[in-house]
Amino acid sequence: MPSTNQIIINTSPLIALVAAMGDLKILESLYTDVLVPFEVYQEILIGGTTGFGITEFQSASWLQKQSSPLTISPLLFNSLDLGEASVIQLALDKKISTVCIDEAVG
């Protein structure tokens, strides 16, 4: 069981959960708040209406999909791709200690 009830998650882990489990319900059962930065939300939607995982992502109404872009620290933006940088920036802004990304540098 996680030590926190909040998590911020990136694109690849969301898609991997859909691939492995067929949905995102495990996140809902593990965390009270699952936040998705605006930048991650946009990455997922780029797949279009037929892209993998989009249906599951859009039907997960309990996900807290952020509605506006972040101002990302240049240090993060220069070291990571936009998705990972936005996850870490949102965590810093909201003082949330748990993130899920797939980048070792992050």
N, C-alpha and C. Protein backbone atom coordinates (compact mmCIF):
# COMPACT_ATOMS: atom_id res chain seq x y z
N MET A 1 0.84 -1.18 0.00
CA MET A 1 0.00 0.00 0.00
C MET A 1 0.89 1.24 0.00
N PRO A 2 0.57 2.19 -0.85
CA PRO A 2 1.38 3.41 -0.89
C PRO A 2 1.33 4.16 0.42
N SER A 3 2.39 4.93 0.67
CA SER A 3 2.45 5.69 1.91
C SER A 3 1.73 7.03 1.79
N THR A 4 1.22 7.33 0.63
CA THR A 4 0.52 8.59 0.40
C THR A 4 -0.81 8.31 -0.29
N ASN A 5 -1.69 9.26 -0.27
CA ASN A 5 -2.96 9.06 -0.95
C ASN A 5 -3.07 9.89 -2.21
N GLN A 6 -1.95 10.54 -2.61
CA GLN A 6 -1.93 11.36 -3.81
C GLN A 6 -0.77 10.95 -4.70
N ILE A 7 -1.01 10.99 -6.01
CA ILE A 7 0.04 10.68 -6.98
C ILE A 7 -0.17 11.54 -8.22
N ILE A 8 0.92 11.88 -8.86
CA ILE A 8 0.88 12.55 -10.16
C ILE A 8 1.54 11.59 -11.14
N ILE A 9 0.90 11.37 -12.29
CA ILE A 9 1.33 10.31 -13.19
C ILE A 9 1.57 10.81 -14.61
N ASN A 10 2.52 10.18 -15.27
CA ASN A 10 2.93 10.53 -16.63
C ASN A 10 2.24 9.63 -17.67
N THR A 11 2.45 9.96 -18.93
CA THR A 11 1.79 9.28 -20.05
C THR A 11 2.11 7.79 -20.13
N SER A 12 3.38 7.44 -20.19
CA SER A 12 3.76 6.03 -20.39
C SER A 12 3.23 5.11 -19.30
N PRO A 13 3.32 5.47 -18.02
CA PRO A 13 2.74 4.60 -17.00
C PRO A 13 1.22 4.43 -17.16
N LEU A 14 0.52 5.48 -17.57
CA LEU A 14 -0.93 5.36 -17.79
C LEU A 14 -1.21 4.36 -18.92
N ILE A 15 -0.49 4.50 -20.01
CA ILE A 15 -0.69 3.60 -21.15
C ILE A 15 -0.29 2.18 -20.79
N ALA A 16 0.79 2.03 -20.03
CA ALA A 16 1.24 0.70 -19.61
C ALA A 16 0.19 0.01 -18.73
N LEU A 17 -0.45 0.77 -17.85
CA LEU A 17 -1.51 0.19 -17.02
C LEU A 17 -2.68 -0.29 -17.87
N VAL A 18 -3.05 0.49 -18.87
CA VAL A 18 -4.13 0.06 -19.76
C VAL A 18 -3.72 -1.20 -20.51
N ALA A 19 -2.48 -1.25 -20.98
CA ALA A 19 -1.99 -2.42 -21.70
C ALA A 19 -1.96 -3.66 -20.82
N ALA A 20 -1.53 -3.50 -19.59
CA ALA A 20 -1.38 -4.64 -18.68
C ALA A 20 -2.70 -5.09 -18.06
N MET A 21 -3.56 -4.12 -17.74
CA MET A 21 -4.75 -4.46 -16.95
C MET A 21 -6.07 -4.18 -17.66
N GLY A 22 -5.99 -3.45 -18.76
CA GLY A 22 -7.21 -3.16 -19.51
C GLY A 22 -7.95 -1.91 -19.05
N ASP A 23 -7.50 -1.31 -17.97
CA ASP A 23 -8.13 -0.09 -17.46
C ASP A 23 -7.20 0.58 -16.46
N LEU A 24 -7.71 1.63 -15.82
CA LEU A 24 -6.90 2.39 -14.86
C LEU A 24 -7.43 2.26 -13.44
N LYS A 25 -8.33 1.33 -13.21
CA LYS A 25 -9.01 1.23 -11.92
C LYS A 25 -8.08 0.98 -10.73
N ILE A 26 -6.94 0.36 -10.97
CA ILE A 26 -6.02 0.10 -9.86
C ILE A 26 -5.56 1.41 -9.22
N LEU A 27 -5.37 2.44 -10.05
CA LEU A 27 -4.99 3.75 -9.49
C LEU A 27 -6.07 4.29 -8.57
N GLU A 28 -7.31 4.14 -8.99
CA GLU A 28 -8.43 4.62 -8.17
C GLU A 28 -8.50 3.87 -6.84
N SER A 29 -8.14 2.60 -6.85
CA SER A 29 -8.20 1.82 -5.61
C SER A 29 -7.01 2.10 -4.68
N LEU A 30 -5.90 2.57 -5.23
CA LEU A 30 -4.70 2.82 -4.43
C LEU A 30 -4.59 4.25 -3.92
N TYR A 31 -5.16 5.20 -4.64
CA TYR A 31 -4.96 6.61 -4.32
C TYR A 31 -6.28 7.36 -4.25
N THR A 32 -6.34 8.31 -3.35
CA THR A 32 -7.50 9.19 -3.24
C THR A 32 -7.49 10.20 -4.38
N ASP A 33 -6.32 10.73 -4.69
CA ASP A 33 -6.17 11.73 -5.74
C ASP A 33 -5.13 11.28 -6.75
N VAL A 34 -5.53 11.19 -8.02
CA VAL A 34 -4.62 10.88 -9.10
C VAL A 34 -4.66 12.07 -10.06
N LEU A 35 -3.55 12.81 -10.09
CA LEU A 35 -3.48 14.03 -10.89
C LEU A 35 -2.73 13.78 -12.18
N VAL A 36 -3.25 14.36 -13.25
CA VAL A 36 -2.63 14.27 -14.57
C VAL A 36 -2.38 15.70 -15.05
N PRO A 37 -1.11 16.07 -15.22
CA PRO A 37 -0.82 17.42 -15.70
C PRO A 37 -1.43 17.66 -17.09
N PHE A 38 -1.72 18.91 -17.38
CA PHE A 38 -2.28 19.31 -18.68
C PHE A 38 -1.41 18.77 -19.82
N GLU A 39 -0.09 18.87 -19.68
CA GLU A 39 0.82 18.44 -20.73
C GLU A 39 0.72 16.93 -20.99
N VAL A 40 0.52 16.15 -19.94
CA VAL A 40 0.34 14.70 -20.09
C VAL A 40 -1.00 14.42 -20.75
N TYR A 41 -2.02 15.12 -20.31
CA TYR A 41 -3.35 14.99 -20.90
C TYR A 41 -3.28 15.22 -22.41
N GLN A 42 -2.56 16.25 -22.83
CA GLN A 42 -2.41 16.55 -24.25
C GLN A 42 -1.65 15.44 -24.98
N GLU A 43 -0.61 14.89 -24.37
CA GLU A 43 0.15 13.79 -24.98
C GLU A 43 -0.75 12.59 -25.25
N ILE A 44 -1.61 12.27 -24.31
CA ILE A 44 -2.50 11.13 -24.48
C ILE A 44 -3.49 11.39 -25.61
N LEU A 45 -4.04 12.59 -25.66
CA LEU A 45 -5.03 12.91 -26.68
C LEU A 45 -4.45 12.99 -28.08
N ILE A 46 -3.16 13.18 -28.22
CA ILE A 46 -2.53 13.23 -29.54
C ILE A 46 -2.79 11.93 -30.31
N GLY A 47 -3.01 10.85 -29.60
CA GLY A 47 -3.31 9.58 -30.25
C GLY A 47 -4.62 9.58 -31.00
N GLY A 48 -5.43 10.62 -30.85
CA GLY A 48 -6.72 10.69 -31.53
C GLY A 48 -7.74 9.79 -30.87
N THR A 49 -8.92 9.76 -31.40
CA THR A 49 -10.00 8.97 -30.78
C THR A 49 -9.78 7.47 -30.91
N THR A 50 -8.89 7.05 -31.80
CA THR A 50 -8.63 5.61 -31.93
C THR A 50 -7.30 5.21 -31.31
N GLY A 51 -6.59 6.14 -30.70
CA GLY A 51 -5.30 5.84 -30.08
C GLY A 51 -5.44 4.94 -28.87
N PHE A 52 -4.42 4.13 -28.63
CA PHE A 52 -4.46 3.17 -27.54
C PHE A 52 -4.56 3.87 -26.18
N GLY A 53 -5.49 3.45 -25.37
CA GLY A 53 -5.66 3.94 -24.01
C GLY A 53 -6.50 5.18 -23.87
N ILE A 54 -6.85 5.82 -24.98
CA ILE A 54 -7.61 7.08 -24.89
C ILE A 54 -8.99 6.85 -24.29
N THR A 55 -9.67 5.82 -24.73
CA THR A 55 -11.02 5.54 -24.22
C THR A 55 -10.99 5.32 -22.71
N GLU A 56 -10.05 4.52 -22.23
CA GLU A 56 -9.94 4.25 -20.80
C GLU A 56 -9.58 5.52 -20.03
N PHE A 57 -8.70 6.31 -20.61
CA PHE A 57 -8.29 7.56 -19.97
C PHE A 57 -9.47 8.52 -19.87
N GLN A 58 -10.19 8.70 -20.95
CA GLN A 58 -11.31 9.64 -20.95
C GLN A 58 -12.46 9.16 -20.08
N SER A 59 -12.66 7.86 -19.97
CA SER A 59 -13.76 7.36 -19.15
C SER A 59 -13.45 7.36 -17.65
N ALA A 60 -12.20 7.56 -17.28
CA ALA A 60 -11.80 7.60 -15.86
C ALA A 60 -12.10 9.00 -15.32
N SER A 61 -13.35 9.26 -15.01
CA SER A 61 -13.78 10.59 -14.58
C SER A 61 -13.18 10.99 -13.23
N TRP A 62 -12.69 10.04 -12.48
CA TRP A 62 -12.10 10.31 -11.18
C TRP A 62 -10.66 10.86 -11.30
N LEU A 63 -10.04 10.73 -12.49
CA LEU A 63 -8.72 11.32 -12.69
C LEU A 63 -8.85 12.83 -12.61
N GLN A 64 -7.91 13.47 -11.95
CA GLN A 64 -7.92 14.93 -11.86
C GLN A 64 -7.03 15.49 -12.97
N LYS A 65 -7.65 15.69 -14.14
CA LYS A 65 -6.95 16.17 -15.32
C LYS A 65 -6.86 17.69 -15.24
N GLN A 66 -5.64 18.17 -15.17
CA GLN A 66 -5.42 19.61 -15.02
C GLN A 66 -5.79 20.33 -16.32
N SER A 67 -6.42 21.48 -16.20
CA SER A 67 -6.99 22.16 -17.36
C SER A 67 -6.13 23.27 -17.95
N SER A 68 -4.98 23.54 -17.36
CA SER A 68 -4.13 24.59 -17.92
C SER A 68 -2.66 24.19 -17.85
N PRO A 69 -1.86 24.70 -18.80
CA PRO A 69 -0.43 24.37 -18.83
C PRO A 69 0.30 24.93 -17.60
N LEU A 70 1.38 24.28 -17.27
CA LEU A 70 2.21 24.70 -16.15
C LEU A 70 3.34 25.62 -16.63
N THR A 71 3.83 26.41 -15.72
CA THR A 71 5.09 27.12 -15.94
C THR A 71 6.17 26.21 -15.38
N ILE A 72 6.94 25.64 -16.27
CA ILE A 72 7.91 24.61 -15.87
C ILE A 72 9.29 25.23 -15.68
N SER A 73 9.93 24.86 -14.59
CA SER A 73 11.28 25.32 -14.29
C SER A 73 12.22 24.99 -15.46
N PRO A 74 13.07 25.93 -15.85
CA PRO A 74 14.03 25.66 -16.93
C PRO A 74 14.92 24.45 -16.63
N LEU A 75 15.28 24.25 -15.38
CA LEU A 75 16.10 23.09 -15.02
C LEU A 75 15.39 21.79 -15.39
N LEU A 76 14.11 21.67 -15.06
CA LEU A 76 13.34 20.48 -15.41
C LEU A 76 13.16 20.37 -16.91
N PHE A 77 12.80 21.48 -17.53
CA PHE A 77 12.50 21.48 -18.96
C PHE A 77 13.73 21.12 -19.80
N ASN A 78 14.92 21.51 -19.33
CA ASN A 78 16.15 21.21 -20.06
C ASN A 78 16.66 19.80 -19.80
N SER A 79 16.19 19.15 -18.75
CA SER A 79 16.70 17.83 -18.38
C SER A 79 15.77 16.69 -18.76
N LEU A 80 14.49 16.97 -18.92
CA LEU A 80 13.48 15.93 -19.12
C LEU A 80 12.57 16.28 -20.28
N ASP A 81 11.81 15.29 -20.74
CA ASP A 81 10.83 15.64 -21.76
C ASP A 81 9.65 16.34 -21.09
N LEU A 82 8.76 16.87 -21.88
CA LEU A 82 7.69 17.72 -21.36
C LEU A 82 6.79 17.00 -20.36
N GLY A 83 6.47 15.74 -20.62
CA GLY A 83 5.60 14.98 -19.71
C GLY A 83 6.21 14.81 -18.33
N GLU A 84 7.44 14.30 -18.28
CA GLU A 84 8.10 14.11 -16.99
C GLU A 84 8.33 15.43 -16.27
N ALA A 85 8.75 16.44 -17.01
CA ALA A 85 8.97 17.76 -16.40
C ALA A 85 7.69 18.30 -15.80
N SER A 86 6.57 18.13 -16.49
CA SER A 86 5.30 18.64 -15.97
C SER A 86 4.83 17.87 -14.74
N VAL A 87 5.09 16.57 -14.71
CA VAL A 87 4.73 15.77 -13.53
C VAL A 87 5.50 16.27 -12.30
N ILE A 88 6.80 16.45 -12.46
CA ILE A 88 7.61 16.90 -11.33
C ILE A 88 7.25 18.33 -10.93
N GLN A 89 7.02 19.20 -11.92
CA GLN A 89 6.65 20.57 -11.60
C GLN A 89 5.33 20.64 -10.85
N LEU A 90 4.34 19.87 -11.29
CA LEU A 90 3.05 19.85 -10.59
C LEU A 90 3.21 19.32 -9.17
N ALA A 91 4.06 18.31 -9.02
CA ALA A 91 4.33 17.77 -7.67
C ALA A 91 4.96 18.83 -6.78
N LEU A 92 5.89 19.58 -7.32
CA LEU A 92 6.51 20.66 -6.54
C LEU A 92 5.49 21.75 -6.21
N ASP A 93 4.68 22.13 -7.19
CA ASP A 93 3.70 23.20 -6.98
C ASP A 93 2.66 22.82 -5.93
N LYS A 94 2.23 21.55 -5.95
CA LYS A 94 1.17 21.11 -5.05
C LYS A 94 1.70 20.40 -3.81
N LYS A 95 3.03 20.30 -3.71
CA LYS A 95 3.68 19.65 -2.57
C LYS A 95 3.20 18.20 -2.40
N ILE A 96 3.19 17.48 -3.51
CA ILE A 96 2.82 16.06 -3.53
C ILE A 96 4.10 15.26 -3.69
N SER A 97 4.32 14.30 -2.80
CA SER A 97 5.61 13.61 -2.76
C SER A 97 5.70 12.37 -3.63
N THR A 98 4.61 11.92 -4.22
CA THR A 98 4.65 10.69 -5.01
C THR A 98 4.32 10.98 -6.47
N VAL A 99 5.24 10.57 -7.35
CA VAL A 99 5.03 10.70 -8.78
C VAL A 99 5.29 9.35 -9.44
N CYS A 100 4.74 9.20 -10.63
CA CYS A 100 4.99 7.98 -11.41
C CYS A 100 5.43 8.41 -12.79
N ILE A 101 6.74 8.23 -13.05
CA ILE A 101 7.33 8.54 -14.34
C ILE A 101 8.21 7.37 -14.75
N ASP A 102 8.63 7.38 -16.01
CA ASP A 102 9.45 6.28 -16.51
C ASP A 102 10.80 6.76 -17.03
N GLU A 103 11.32 7.80 -16.41
CA GLU A 103 12.58 8.40 -16.84
C GLU A 103 13.57 8.36 -15.68
N ALA A 104 14.67 7.66 -15.87
CA ALA A 104 15.67 7.52 -14.79
C ALA A 104 16.24 8.86 -14.34
N VAL A 105 16.42 9.79 -15.28
CA VAL A 105 16.98 11.09 -14.93
C VAL A 105 16.04 11.82 -13.97
N GLY A 106 14.73 11.63 -14.15
CA GLY A 106 13.74 12.29 -13.30
C GLY A 106 13.80 11.80 -11.88
